[in-house]
Amino acid sequence: MANKKVYLAKNVLASGFDVEYVKSHLLRIPGIVIIESGMSVDPSECAAFIIVPDAGFKDHPSGQMPMSKNVAQALEEFVMNYDGDNCVEESIYIFSRPKTSDEPGDCEISYPMAFYVSDEFEIDILDKDNYDAFASLELVEGDDMELLHALDEILDVGRSWVKVPRHFSPPPVFAVPAVPSLEERKLKQYPSSVANSSVFDTGALQSQIHVNRRRLLLLRRK
């Protein structure tokens, strides 16, 4: 069974819209497990490592992409302990831009593109005291690939994501229960003999409300 864990790393200065866009597209892949910082799972346990860069980087891409400290450390752990079937450089992707979808049958109008690293890439330390630009990573300039297609072979999913929209409803068994109405929540405050009575006794209900209020006043006086 293919490893379907994917590590999603976000630079400190990454756009929240970019993060949501990439994550919601990754969730289109059936069976995928997205691992993020703080989830007590080592990055090297994942089949792929995806970075959402600084908000302005995708508009002015260069050969070197800055990384915040948390991303650089997670990537280093991924590289040093990677045990996947592919070369480690083939499992690292950096979100670059959305692209209008030309995939036959795709239910979404766009999907994310991604840069990839060079064959002999290195994690270069820039400034150990700069959390936002702690290190940099060398990318293949002027070229990016379709992220979901790149993950097809790694996760062994075979384009099964094309029919899955970005925001899908969970099966009924996983659905969030409906919020009880105000009347239902009020009834739960009273004895079952009153709430479950086949004939709703207004007098009994008012009496119970009066008793509850007296108890509350006594508690406040104490």
N, C-alpha and C. Protein backbone atom coordinates (compact mmCIF):
# COMPACT_ATOMS: atom_id res chain seq x y z
N MET A 1 0.85 -1.20 0.00
CA MET A 1 0.00 0.00 0.00
C MET A 1 0.88 1.24 0.00
N ALA A 2 0.61 2.17 -0.90
CA ALA A 2 1.43 3.36 -1.05
C ALA A 2 1.28 4.27 0.16
N ASN A 3 2.40 4.90 0.52
CA ASN A 3 2.40 5.89 1.60
C ASN A 3 1.70 7.15 1.07
N LYS A 4 0.63 7.57 1.72
CA LYS A 4 -0.14 8.72 1.26
C LYS A 4 -0.01 9.92 2.20
N LYS A 5 1.04 9.91 3.02
CA LYS A 5 1.29 11.07 3.87
C LYS A 5 2.06 12.12 3.08
N VAL A 6 1.61 13.37 3.17
CA VAL A 6 2.27 14.50 2.51
C VAL A 6 2.50 15.58 3.55
N TYR A 7 3.74 16.07 3.62
CA TYR A 7 4.06 17.12 4.59
C TYR A 7 3.82 18.48 3.94
N LEU A 8 2.99 19.31 4.57
CA LEU A 8 2.69 20.64 4.06
C LEU A 8 3.36 21.67 4.96
N ALA A 9 4.39 22.35 4.43
CA ALA A 9 5.15 23.34 5.20
C ALA A 9 4.79 24.74 4.70
N LYS A 10 4.64 25.68 5.63
CA LYS A 10 4.28 27.05 5.26
C LYS A 10 5.31 28.02 5.80
N ASN A 11 5.89 28.82 4.91
CA ASN A 11 6.75 29.89 5.37
C ASN A 11 5.97 30.85 6.25
N VAL A 12 6.65 31.49 7.18
CA VAL A 12 6.00 32.42 8.09
C VAL A 12 5.27 33.53 7.33
N LEU A 13 5.84 33.97 6.22
CA LEU A 13 5.25 35.06 5.45
C LEU A 13 4.38 34.57 4.29
N ALA A 14 4.00 33.30 4.32
CA ALA A 14 3.13 32.76 3.27
C ALA A 14 1.73 33.34 3.39
N SER A 15 1.07 33.50 2.25
CA SER A 15 -0.31 33.99 2.24
C SER A 15 -1.25 32.89 2.73
N GLY A 16 -2.18 33.27 3.60
CA GLY A 16 -3.17 32.30 4.06
C GLY A 16 -4.05 31.81 2.93
N PHE A 17 -4.29 32.65 1.92
CA PHE A 17 -5.08 32.24 0.77
C PHE A 17 -4.33 31.17 -0.04
N ASP A 18 -3.01 31.34 -0.17
CA ASP A 18 -2.21 30.34 -0.88
C ASP A 18 -2.22 29.01 -0.15
N VAL A 19 -2.08 29.08 1.17
CA VAL A 19 -2.09 27.85 1.99
C VAL A 19 -3.41 27.12 1.82
N GLU A 20 -4.53 27.86 1.91
CA GLU A 20 -5.85 27.23 1.77
C GLU A 20 -6.03 26.66 0.37
N TYR A 21 -5.54 27.37 -0.63
CA TYR A 21 -5.68 26.91 -2.01
C TYR A 21 -4.94 25.59 -2.22
N VAL A 22 -3.70 25.54 -1.76
CA VAL A 22 -2.90 24.32 -1.93
C VAL A 22 -3.50 23.18 -1.11
N LYS A 23 -3.82 23.44 0.14
CA LYS A 23 -4.33 22.38 1.02
C LYS A 23 -5.65 21.82 0.51
N SER A 24 -6.55 22.69 0.06
CA SER A 24 -7.85 22.21 -0.40
C SER A 24 -7.71 21.39 -1.68
N HIS A 25 -6.71 21.70 -2.51
CA HIS A 25 -6.47 20.88 -3.69
C HIS A 25 -5.84 19.54 -3.32
N LEU A 26 -4.94 19.54 -2.36
CA LEU A 26 -4.35 18.28 -1.91
C LEU A 26 -5.43 17.35 -1.37
N LEU A 27 -6.42 17.92 -0.69
CA LEU A 27 -7.49 17.12 -0.11
C LEU A 27 -8.40 16.50 -1.17
N ARG A 28 -8.23 16.90 -2.42
CA ARG A 28 -8.98 16.26 -3.50
C ARG A 28 -8.47 14.84 -3.75
N ILE A 29 -7.24 14.55 -3.34
CA ILE A 29 -6.65 13.24 -3.59
C ILE A 29 -7.21 12.23 -2.59
N PRO A 30 -7.93 11.22 -3.04
CA PRO A 30 -8.52 10.24 -2.11
C PRO A 30 -7.45 9.55 -1.26
N GLY A 31 -7.70 9.49 0.03
CA GLY A 31 -6.81 8.77 0.94
C GLY A 31 -5.61 9.55 1.42
N ILE A 32 -5.42 10.79 0.93
CA ILE A 32 -4.24 11.56 1.32
C ILE A 32 -4.31 11.91 2.80
N VAL A 33 -3.13 11.97 3.44
CA VAL A 33 -3.02 12.39 4.83
C VAL A 33 -2.06 13.57 4.86
N ILE A 34 -2.56 14.75 5.19
CA ILE A 34 -1.74 15.95 5.21
C ILE A 34 -1.15 16.13 6.61
N ILE A 35 0.18 16.17 6.67
CA ILE A 35 0.88 16.35 7.93
C ILE A 35 1.40 17.79 7.99
N GLU A 36 1.18 18.45 9.12
CA GLU A 36 1.66 19.80 9.31
C GLU A 36 2.47 19.90 10.58
N SER A 37 3.17 21.01 10.74
CA SER A 37 4.00 21.22 11.92
C SER A 37 3.17 21.10 13.19
N GLY A 38 3.74 20.42 14.19
CA GLY A 38 3.05 20.27 15.46
C GLY A 38 2.19 19.03 15.57
N MET A 39 2.19 18.18 14.54
CA MET A 39 1.33 16.99 14.57
C MET A 39 2.07 15.74 15.05
N SER A 40 3.28 15.90 15.56
CA SER A 40 4.07 14.80 16.13
C SER A 40 4.35 13.69 15.14
N VAL A 41 4.48 14.06 13.86
CA VAL A 41 4.86 13.11 12.82
C VAL A 41 6.10 13.66 12.13
N ASP A 42 7.15 12.85 12.04
CA ASP A 42 8.38 13.31 11.39
C ASP A 42 8.14 13.52 9.90
N PRO A 43 8.67 14.60 9.33
CA PRO A 43 8.52 14.83 7.89
C PRO A 43 9.00 13.65 7.05
N SER A 44 10.04 12.95 7.51
CA SER A 44 10.59 11.83 6.74
C SER A 44 9.65 10.64 6.66
N GLU A 45 8.58 10.64 7.46
CA GLU A 45 7.58 9.58 7.37
C GLU A 45 6.63 9.81 6.19
N CYS A 46 6.78 10.96 5.53
CA CYS A 46 5.88 11.33 4.44
C CYS A 46 6.49 10.98 3.09
N ALA A 47 5.63 10.84 2.09
CA ALA A 47 6.07 10.49 0.74
C ALA A 47 6.48 11.72 -0.06
N ALA A 48 6.01 12.90 0.34
CA ALA A 48 6.33 14.13 -0.38
C ALA A 48 6.37 15.30 0.58
N PHE A 49 7.11 16.34 0.19
CA PHE A 49 7.27 17.54 1.01
C PHE A 49 6.90 18.74 0.16
N ILE A 50 5.88 19.48 0.57
CA ILE A 50 5.37 20.61 -0.21
C ILE A 50 5.52 21.89 0.60
N ILE A 51 6.06 22.94 -0.03
CA ILE A 51 6.27 24.21 0.64
C ILE A 51 5.40 25.29 0.00
N VAL A 52 4.72 26.06 0.84
CA VAL A 52 4.04 27.27 0.38
C VAL A 52 4.96 28.43 0.73
N PRO A 53 5.56 29.10 -0.27
CA PRO A 53 6.58 30.12 0.00
C PRO A 53 5.98 31.45 0.45
N ASP A 54 6.88 32.43 0.65
CA ASP A 54 6.43 33.78 1.01
C ASP A 54 5.42 34.30 0.00
N ALA A 55 4.54 35.17 0.45
CA ALA A 55 3.45 35.65 -0.41
C ALA A 55 3.95 36.28 -1.69
N GLY A 56 5.06 37.03 -1.63
CA GLY A 56 5.53 37.73 -2.83
C GLY A 56 6.45 36.92 -3.71
N PHE A 57 6.86 35.74 -3.25
CA PHE A 57 7.86 34.98 -4.01
C PHE A 57 7.33 34.49 -5.35
N LYS A 58 6.07 34.03 -5.37
CA LYS A 58 5.54 33.47 -6.61
C LYS A 58 5.39 34.52 -7.72
N ASP A 59 5.37 35.82 -7.33
CA ASP A 59 5.29 36.89 -8.33
C ASP A 59 6.66 37.27 -8.88
N HIS A 60 7.71 36.97 -8.09
CA HIS A 60 9.08 37.29 -8.53
C HIS A 60 9.99 36.10 -8.23
N PRO A 61 9.74 34.96 -8.86
CA PRO A 61 10.54 33.77 -8.55
C PRO A 61 11.99 33.94 -8.97
N SER A 62 12.87 33.39 -8.19
CA SER A 62 14.30 33.41 -8.52
C SER A 62 14.86 32.02 -8.27
N GLY A 63 16.14 31.87 -8.50
CA GLY A 63 16.75 30.56 -8.32
C GLY A 63 16.84 30.14 -6.87
N GLN A 64 16.79 31.11 -5.95
CA GLN A 64 16.90 30.82 -4.53
C GLN A 64 15.61 31.22 -3.81
N MET A 65 15.00 30.27 -3.12
CA MET A 65 13.78 30.56 -2.38
C MET A 65 14.09 30.64 -0.89
N PRO A 66 13.77 31.77 -0.23
CA PRO A 66 14.01 31.86 1.22
C PRO A 66 13.05 30.96 1.99
N MET A 67 13.53 30.42 3.09
CA MET A 67 12.71 29.57 3.95
C MET A 67 12.80 30.05 5.39
N SER A 68 11.68 30.04 6.08
CA SER A 68 11.70 30.36 7.51
C SER A 68 12.29 29.17 8.26
N LYS A 69 12.66 29.40 9.50
CA LYS A 69 13.41 28.40 10.27
C LYS A 69 12.66 27.08 10.41
N ASN A 70 11.36 27.16 10.72
CA ASN A 70 10.60 25.93 10.92
C ASN A 70 10.54 25.09 9.65
N VAL A 71 10.42 25.74 8.49
CA VAL A 71 10.37 25.01 7.22
C VAL A 71 11.73 24.39 6.91
N ALA A 72 12.80 25.15 7.10
CA ALA A 72 14.14 24.65 6.81
C ALA A 72 14.48 23.44 7.67
N GLN A 73 14.13 23.49 8.94
CA GLN A 73 14.42 22.37 9.83
C GLN A 73 13.60 21.13 9.48
N ALA A 74 12.34 21.34 9.12
CA ALA A 74 11.50 20.20 8.72
C ALA A 74 12.01 19.59 7.42
N LEU A 75 12.42 20.44 6.46
CA LEU A 75 12.94 19.93 5.20
C LEU A 75 14.25 19.17 5.41
N GLU A 76 15.10 19.67 6.29
CA GLU A 76 16.36 18.98 6.57
C GLU A 76 16.10 17.58 7.14
N GLU A 77 15.12 17.48 8.04
CA GLU A 77 14.79 16.16 8.60
C GLU A 77 14.25 15.24 7.51
N PHE A 78 13.44 15.79 6.60
CA PHE A 78 12.89 15.01 5.49
C PHE A 78 14.01 14.47 4.59
N VAL A 79 14.96 15.33 4.26
CA VAL A 79 16.05 14.95 3.35
C VAL A 79 16.98 13.94 4.00
N MET A 80 17.35 14.18 5.25
CA MET A 80 18.34 13.33 5.92
C MET A 80 17.81 11.93 6.22
N ASN A 81 16.49 11.81 6.45
CA ASN A 81 15.94 10.51 6.86
C ASN A 81 14.93 9.94 5.88
N TYR A 82 14.88 10.50 4.66
CA TYR A 82 13.91 10.06 3.66
C TYR A 82 14.15 8.60 3.28
N ASP A 83 13.05 7.83 3.23
CA ASP A 83 13.17 6.40 2.94
C ASP A 83 12.13 5.99 1.90
N GLY A 84 11.80 6.90 0.97
CA GLY A 84 10.80 6.59 -0.04
C GLY A 84 11.38 5.86 -1.24
N ASP A 85 10.49 5.53 -2.17
CA ASP A 85 10.90 4.79 -3.37
C ASP A 85 11.53 5.69 -4.42
N ASN A 86 11.22 6.99 -4.40
CA ASN A 86 11.75 7.92 -5.38
C ASN A 86 13.00 8.62 -4.84
N CYS A 87 13.71 9.30 -5.72
CA CYS A 87 14.82 10.14 -5.28
C CYS A 87 14.23 11.28 -4.45
N VAL A 88 14.94 11.69 -3.43
CA VAL A 88 14.39 12.69 -2.52
C VAL A 88 14.07 13.99 -3.22
N GLU A 89 14.90 14.38 -4.22
CA GLU A 89 14.64 15.64 -4.93
C GLU A 89 13.38 15.57 -5.77
N GLU A 90 12.91 14.37 -6.09
CA GLU A 90 11.69 14.21 -6.87
C GLU A 90 10.44 14.27 -5.99
N SER A 91 10.64 14.44 -4.69
CA SER A 91 9.53 14.44 -3.75
C SER A 91 9.36 15.78 -3.05
N ILE A 92 10.08 16.81 -3.51
CA ILE A 92 10.01 18.14 -2.92
C ILE A 92 9.41 19.11 -3.93
N TYR A 93 8.35 19.83 -3.54
CA TYR A 93 7.66 20.74 -4.45
C TYR A 93 7.39 22.07 -3.75
N ILE A 94 7.46 23.16 -4.51
CA ILE A 94 7.22 24.49 -3.98
C ILE A 94 6.10 25.14 -4.79
N PHE A 95 5.00 25.47 -4.13
CA PHE A 95 3.86 26.08 -4.82
C PHE A 95 4.32 27.33 -5.58
N SER A 96 3.91 27.44 -6.86
CA SER A 96 4.30 28.60 -7.65
C SER A 96 3.10 29.47 -8.03
N ARG A 97 2.01 28.86 -8.54
CA ARG A 97 0.88 29.66 -9.03
C ARG A 97 -0.30 28.74 -9.34
N PRO A 98 -1.51 29.30 -9.42
CA PRO A 98 -2.64 28.53 -9.92
C PRO A 98 -2.59 28.49 -11.45
N LYS A 99 -3.11 27.44 -12.03
CA LYS A 99 -3.17 27.34 -13.49
C LYS A 99 -4.58 26.90 -13.89
N THR A 100 -5.09 27.52 -14.94
CA THR A 100 -6.39 27.11 -15.46
C THR A 100 -6.31 25.67 -15.92
N SER A 101 -7.24 24.86 -15.46
CA SER A 101 -7.18 23.42 -15.73
C SER A 101 -7.53 23.10 -17.17
N ASP A 102 -6.69 22.27 -17.80
CA ASP A 102 -7.00 21.73 -19.13
C ASP A 102 -7.09 20.21 -19.07
N GLU A 103 -7.24 19.70 -17.84
CA GLU A 103 -7.35 18.26 -17.62
C GLU A 103 -8.75 17.79 -18.01
N PRO A 104 -8.88 16.82 -18.92
CA PRO A 104 -10.21 16.32 -19.32
C PRO A 104 -10.99 15.78 -18.12
N GLY A 105 -12.19 16.25 -17.97
CA GLY A 105 -13.05 15.75 -16.89
C GLY A 105 -12.81 16.38 -15.54
N ASP A 106 -11.87 17.33 -15.45
CA ASP A 106 -11.59 17.95 -14.15
C ASP A 106 -12.77 18.81 -13.71
N CYS A 107 -13.23 18.60 -12.49
CA CYS A 107 -14.39 19.34 -11.99
C CYS A 107 -14.01 20.72 -11.45
N GLU A 108 -12.72 21.01 -11.37
CA GLU A 108 -12.26 22.32 -10.91
C GLU A 108 -11.71 23.12 -12.09
N ILE A 109 -11.82 24.44 -12.00
CA ILE A 109 -11.37 25.27 -13.11
C ILE A 109 -9.87 25.55 -13.06
N SER A 110 -9.22 25.23 -11.94
CA SER A 110 -7.79 25.46 -11.84
C SER A 110 -7.17 24.46 -10.86
N TYR A 111 -5.86 24.37 -10.91
CA TYR A 111 -5.14 23.58 -9.91
C TYR A 111 -3.74 24.16 -9.76
N PRO A 112 -3.03 23.81 -8.67
CA PRO A 112 -1.75 24.45 -8.38
C PRO A 112 -0.59 23.91 -9.20
N MET A 113 0.31 24.82 -9.56
CA MET A 113 1.57 24.46 -10.18
C MET A 113 2.65 24.52 -9.10
N ALA A 114 3.79 23.88 -9.37
CA ALA A 114 4.85 23.84 -8.36
C ALA A 114 6.22 23.81 -9.00
N PHE A 115 7.16 24.54 -8.38
CA PHE A 115 8.57 24.44 -8.75
C PHE A 115 9.15 23.16 -8.15
N TYR A 116 10.26 22.73 -8.67
CA TYR A 116 10.96 21.60 -8.08
C TYR A 116 12.42 21.97 -7.91
N VAL A 117 13.13 21.19 -7.10
CA VAL A 117 14.52 21.52 -6.77
C VAL A 117 15.47 20.87 -7.77
N SER A 118 16.68 21.40 -7.85
CA SER A 118 17.69 20.83 -8.74
C SER A 118 18.19 19.49 -8.20
N ASP A 119 18.84 18.72 -9.06
CA ASP A 119 19.29 17.39 -8.67
C ASP A 119 20.30 17.43 -7.52
N GLU A 120 21.11 18.46 -7.49
CA GLU A 120 22.15 18.57 -6.46
C GLU A 120 21.87 19.78 -5.57
N PHE A 121 20.65 19.87 -5.09
CA PHE A 121 20.25 21.02 -4.28
C PHE A 121 20.89 20.95 -2.89
N GLU A 122 20.98 22.11 -2.26
CA GLU A 122 21.47 22.21 -0.89
C GLU A 122 20.59 23.20 -0.12
N ILE A 123 20.50 22.98 1.17
CA ILE A 123 19.81 23.91 2.05
C ILE A 123 20.87 24.87 2.59
N ASP A 124 20.89 26.07 2.05
CA ASP A 124 21.91 27.05 2.44
C ASP A 124 21.41 27.90 3.60
N ILE A 125 22.18 27.96 4.68
CA ILE A 125 21.83 28.79 5.83
C ILE A 125 22.15 30.25 5.50
N LEU A 126 21.17 31.11 5.63
CA LEU A 126 21.35 32.53 5.35
C LEU A 126 21.70 33.32 6.60
N ASP A 127 20.87 33.16 7.63
CA ASP A 127 21.05 33.93 8.86
C ASP A 127 20.37 33.18 10.00
N LYS A 128 21.17 32.65 10.91
CA LYS A 128 20.62 31.85 12.00
C LYS A 128 19.76 32.65 12.96
N ASP A 129 19.89 33.99 12.90
CA ASP A 129 19.10 34.85 13.79
C ASP A 129 17.87 35.42 13.10
N ASN A 130 17.70 35.10 11.83
CA ASN A 130 16.54 35.60 11.08
C ASN A 130 15.54 34.47 10.90
N TYR A 131 14.49 34.49 11.71
CA TYR A 131 13.51 33.39 11.68
C TYR A 131 12.77 33.34 10.35
N ASP A 132 12.50 34.52 9.74
CA ASP A 132 11.71 34.57 8.51
C ASP A 132 12.51 34.16 7.27
N ALA A 133 13.80 34.44 7.27
CA ALA A 133 14.67 34.08 6.14
C ALA A 133 15.89 33.37 6.69
N PHE A 134 15.65 32.22 7.28
CA PHE A 134 16.69 31.46 7.96
C PHE A 134 17.61 30.75 6.96
N ALA A 135 17.03 30.23 5.88
CA ALA A 135 17.80 29.47 4.90
C ALA A 135 17.21 29.67 3.51
N SER A 136 17.87 29.12 2.50
CA SER A 136 17.35 29.21 1.13
C SER A 136 17.50 27.87 0.45
N LEU A 137 16.72 27.71 -0.61
CA LEU A 137 16.69 26.45 -1.36
C LEU A 137 16.79 26.75 -2.84
N GLU A 138 17.66 26.03 -3.55
CA GLU A 138 17.85 26.27 -4.98
C GLU A 138 16.77 25.55 -5.78
N LEU A 139 16.13 26.32 -6.67
CA LEU A 139 15.05 25.77 -7.50
C LEU A 139 15.49 25.71 -8.96
N VAL A 140 14.74 24.96 -9.76
CA VAL A 140 14.95 24.95 -11.20
C VAL A 140 14.20 26.15 -11.75
N GLU A 141 14.94 27.13 -12.26
CA GLU A 141 14.35 28.39 -12.69
C GLU A 141 13.51 28.25 -13.96
N GLY A 142 12.47 29.08 -14.04
CA GLY A 142 11.68 29.20 -15.26
C GLY A 142 10.89 27.97 -15.65
N ASP A 143 10.68 27.06 -14.72
CA ASP A 143 9.96 25.83 -15.06
C ASP A 143 9.19 25.37 -13.85
N ASP A 144 7.91 25.05 -14.03
CA ASP A 144 7.13 24.46 -12.95
C ASP A 144 6.24 23.36 -13.52
N MET A 145 5.69 22.57 -12.63
CA MET A 145 4.91 21.40 -13.04
C MET A 145 3.57 21.40 -12.34
N GLU A 146 2.66 20.56 -12.83
CA GLU A 146 1.34 20.43 -12.23
C GLU A 146 1.46 19.59 -10.96
N LEU A 147 1.15 20.20 -9.81
CA LEU A 147 1.40 19.56 -8.53
C LEU A 147 0.64 18.24 -8.37
N LEU A 148 -0.65 18.24 -8.69
CA LEU A 148 -1.44 17.02 -8.48
C LEU A 148 -0.97 15.90 -9.40
N HIS A 149 -0.56 16.24 -10.62
CA HIS A 149 -0.02 15.22 -11.52
C HIS A 149 1.29 14.67 -10.98
N ALA A 150 2.11 15.55 -10.41
CA ALA A 150 3.39 15.11 -9.86
C ALA A 150 3.19 14.14 -8.70
N LEU A 151 2.11 14.33 -7.94
CA LEU A 151 1.83 13.45 -6.81
C LEU A 151 1.17 12.14 -7.22
N ASP A 152 0.66 12.08 -8.46
CA ASP A 152 -0.02 10.88 -8.94
C ASP A 152 0.83 9.62 -8.75
N GLU A 153 2.05 9.69 -9.27
CA GLU A 153 2.92 8.51 -9.23
C GLU A 153 3.43 8.23 -7.83
N ILE A 154 3.75 9.29 -7.09
CA ILE A 154 4.28 9.11 -5.74
C ILE A 154 3.25 8.46 -4.82
N LEU A 155 2.01 8.92 -4.89
CA LEU A 155 0.96 8.42 -4.00
C LEU A 155 0.15 7.27 -4.61
N ASP A 156 0.42 6.98 -5.89
CA ASP A 156 -0.27 5.89 -6.58
C ASP A 156 -1.79 6.10 -6.57
N VAL A 157 -2.23 7.25 -7.09
CA VAL A 157 -3.65 7.58 -7.09
C VAL A 157 -4.28 7.59 -8.48
N GLY A 158 -3.46 7.69 -9.53
CA GLY A 158 -3.97 7.55 -10.89
C GLY A 158 -5.08 8.50 -11.28
N ARG A 159 -4.89 9.81 -11.06
CA ARG A 159 -5.85 10.83 -11.50
C ARG A 159 -7.24 10.67 -10.85
N SER A 160 -7.32 10.01 -9.75
CA SER A 160 -8.63 9.83 -9.12
C SER A 160 -9.16 11.12 -8.52
N TRP A 161 -8.34 12.16 -8.48
CA TRP A 161 -8.75 13.43 -7.89
C TRP A 161 -9.60 14.28 -8.84
N VAL A 162 -9.62 13.96 -10.14
CA VAL A 162 -10.27 14.85 -11.11
C VAL A 162 -11.78 15.00 -10.86
N LYS A 163 -12.41 14.04 -10.22
CA LYS A 163 -13.86 14.10 -9.97
C LYS A 163 -14.19 14.65 -8.59
N VAL A 164 -13.16 14.98 -7.81
CA VAL A 164 -13.38 15.43 -6.43
C VAL A 164 -13.23 16.94 -6.35
N PRO A 165 -14.27 17.67 -5.96
CA PRO A 165 -14.15 19.14 -5.85
C PRO A 165 -13.32 19.54 -4.64
N ARG A 166 -12.91 20.77 -4.61
CA ARG A 166 -12.08 21.26 -3.52
C ARG A 166 -12.79 21.19 -2.18
N HIS A 167 -14.06 21.58 -2.15
CA HIS A 167 -14.81 21.57 -0.91
C HIS A 167 -15.94 20.55 -1.04
N PHE A 168 -15.74 19.40 -0.46
CA PHE A 168 -16.75 18.35 -0.59
C PHE A 168 -17.42 18.10 0.76
N SER A 169 -18.65 17.58 0.70
CA SER A 169 -19.38 17.27 1.92
C SER A 169 -18.99 15.88 2.41
N PRO A 170 -18.72 15.72 3.71
CA PRO A 170 -18.36 14.40 4.22
C PRO A 170 -19.56 13.45 4.17
N PRO A 171 -19.32 12.14 4.16
CA PRO A 171 -20.44 11.19 4.21
C PRO A 171 -21.28 11.44 5.45
N PRO A 172 -22.56 11.07 5.41
CA PRO A 172 -23.45 11.33 6.56
C PRO A 172 -22.90 10.85 7.89
N VAL A 173 -22.16 9.73 7.88
CA VAL A 173 -21.65 9.19 9.14
C VAL A 173 -20.66 10.14 9.79
N PHE A 174 -20.01 11.00 8.99
CA PHE A 174 -19.04 11.95 9.54
C PHE A 174 -19.61 13.36 9.66
N ALA A 175 -20.86 13.54 9.31
CA ALA A 175 -21.45 14.88 9.31
C ALA A 175 -21.58 15.42 10.73
N VAL A 176 -21.48 16.72 10.87
CA VAL A 176 -21.66 17.37 12.17
C VAL A 176 -23.13 17.35 12.52
N PRO A 177 -23.49 16.91 13.72
CA PRO A 177 -24.92 16.86 14.10
C PRO A 177 -25.55 18.24 14.02
N ALA A 178 -26.83 18.25 13.70
CA ALA A 178 -27.56 19.52 13.64
C ALA A 178 -27.62 20.16 15.01
N VAL A 179 -27.54 21.49 15.07
CA VAL A 179 -27.63 22.21 16.34
C VAL A 179 -29.07 22.19 16.82
N PRO A 180 -29.34 21.76 18.06
CA PRO A 180 -30.72 21.74 18.55
C PRO A 180 -31.33 23.14 18.55
N SER A 181 -32.65 23.20 18.36
CA SER A 181 -33.33 24.49 18.37
C SER A 181 -33.31 25.06 19.79
N LEU A 182 -33.63 26.35 19.90
CA LEU A 182 -33.67 27.00 21.20
C LEU A 182 -34.68 26.33 22.12
N GLU A 183 -35.83 25.96 21.55
CA GLU A 183 -36.87 25.30 22.36
C GLU A 183 -36.37 23.95 22.89
N GLU A 184 -35.65 23.18 22.03
CA GLU A 184 -35.13 21.88 22.48
C GLU A 184 -34.08 22.04 23.58
N ARG A 185 -33.24 23.06 23.44
CA ARG A 185 -32.22 23.29 24.46
C ARG A 185 -32.84 23.73 25.78
N LYS A 186 -33.93 24.51 25.72
CA LYS A 186 -34.60 24.93 26.94
C LYS A 186 -35.24 23.74 27.64
N LEU A 187 -35.85 22.86 26.87
CA LEU A 187 -36.53 21.70 27.46
C LEU A 187 -35.56 20.79 28.20
N LYS A 188 -34.30 20.75 27.77
CA LYS A 188 -33.32 19.88 28.42
C LYS A 188 -32.97 20.36 29.82
N GLN A 189 -33.36 21.58 30.17
CA GLN A 189 -33.08 22.12 31.50
C GLN A 189 -34.09 21.66 32.53
N TYR A 190 -35.20 21.06 32.08
CA TYR A 190 -36.28 20.72 33.00
C TYR A 190 -36.36 19.22 33.18
N PRO A 191 -37.00 18.77 34.27
CA PRO A 191 -37.12 17.33 34.53
C PRO A 191 -37.77 16.59 33.37
N SER A 192 -37.33 15.35 33.17
CA SER A 192 -37.87 14.55 32.06
C SER A 192 -39.36 14.35 32.19
N SER A 193 -39.86 14.35 33.44
CA SER A 193 -41.31 14.16 33.64
C SER A 193 -42.10 15.31 33.03
N VAL A 194 -41.46 16.51 32.97
CA VAL A 194 -42.13 17.65 32.37
C VAL A 194 -41.89 17.67 30.88
N ALA A 195 -40.60 17.49 30.47
CA ALA A 195 -40.24 17.61 29.06
C ALA A 195 -40.85 16.51 28.22
N ASN A 196 -41.01 15.29 28.81
CA ASN A 196 -41.50 14.16 28.03
C ASN A 196 -42.99 13.93 28.18
N SER A 197 -43.67 14.82 28.87
CA SER A 197 -45.11 14.65 29.08
C SER A 197 -45.84 14.73 27.75
N SER A 198 -46.80 13.81 27.55
CA SER A 198 -47.56 13.81 26.30
C SER A 198 -48.45 15.04 26.22
N VAL A 199 -48.88 15.55 27.39
CA VAL A 199 -49.67 16.78 27.43
C VAL A 199 -48.82 17.82 28.14
N PHE A 200 -48.43 18.85 27.44
CA PHE A 200 -47.51 19.84 27.99
C PHE A 200 -48.24 20.66 29.05
N ASP A 201 -47.82 20.54 30.30
CA ASP A 201 -48.45 21.21 31.43
C ASP A 201 -47.77 22.57 31.64
N THR A 202 -48.40 23.64 31.18
CA THR A 202 -47.82 24.97 31.29
C THR A 202 -47.62 25.37 32.74
N GLY A 203 -48.58 24.99 33.60
CA GLY A 203 -48.45 25.35 35.01
C GLY A 203 -47.24 24.70 35.65
N ALA A 204 -47.01 23.40 35.34
CA ALA A 204 -45.86 22.69 35.89
C ALA A 204 -44.56 23.32 35.42
N LEU A 205 -44.55 23.73 34.14
CA LEU A 205 -43.34 24.34 33.58
C LEU A 205 -43.03 25.66 34.28
N GLN A 206 -44.07 26.51 34.46
CA GLN A 206 -43.87 27.80 35.12
C GLN A 206 -43.41 27.60 36.55
N SER A 207 -43.98 26.57 37.23
CA SER A 207 -43.58 26.27 38.61
C SER A 207 -42.11 25.89 38.67
N GLN A 208 -41.66 25.08 37.69
CA GLN A 208 -40.27 24.64 37.66
C GLN A 208 -39.33 25.83 37.42
N ILE A 209 -39.74 26.74 36.52
CA ILE A 209 -38.93 27.94 36.25
C ILE A 209 -38.79 28.77 37.52
N HIS A 210 -39.91 28.91 38.28
CA HIS A 210 -39.89 29.69 39.52
C HIS A 210 -38.93 29.06 40.53
N VAL A 211 -38.96 27.73 40.67
CA VAL A 211 -38.06 27.03 41.59
C VAL A 211 -36.61 27.23 41.19
N ASN A 212 -36.33 27.11 39.89
CA ASN A 212 -34.96 27.28 39.41
C ASN A 212 -34.44 28.69 39.71
N ARG A 213 -35.30 29.70 39.53
CA ARG A 213 -34.89 31.07 39.79
C ARG A 213 -34.60 31.29 41.26
N ARG A 214 -35.43 30.69 42.16
CA ARG A 214 -35.20 30.83 43.59
C ARG A 214 -33.87 30.19 43.98
N ARG A 215 -33.57 29.02 43.39
CA ARG A 215 -32.29 28.36 43.69
C ARG A 215 -31.12 29.24 43.27
N LEU A 216 -31.27 29.88 42.10
CA LEU A 216 -30.20 30.73 41.59
C LEU A 216 -29.98 31.93 42.51
N LEU A 217 -31.08 32.52 43.00
CA LEU A 217 -30.96 33.65 43.91
C LEU A 217 -30.30 33.26 45.22
N LEU A 218 -30.65 32.09 45.73
CA LEU A 218 -30.05 31.61 46.98
C LEU A 218 -28.55 31.38 46.80
N LEU A 219 -28.17 30.82 45.67
CA LEU A 219 -26.75 30.58 45.40
C LEU A 219 -25.97 31.89 45.33
N ARG A 220 -26.60 32.89 44.68
CA ARG A 220 -25.92 34.19 44.59
C ARG A 220 -25.76 34.85 45.97
N ARG A 221 -26.76 34.70 46.85
CA ARG A 221 -26.65 35.28 48.20
C ARG A 221 -25.54 34.64 49.00
N LYS A 222 -25.30 33.35 48.79
CA LYS A 222 -24.22 32.68 49.51
C LYS A 222 -22.88 33.21 49.04
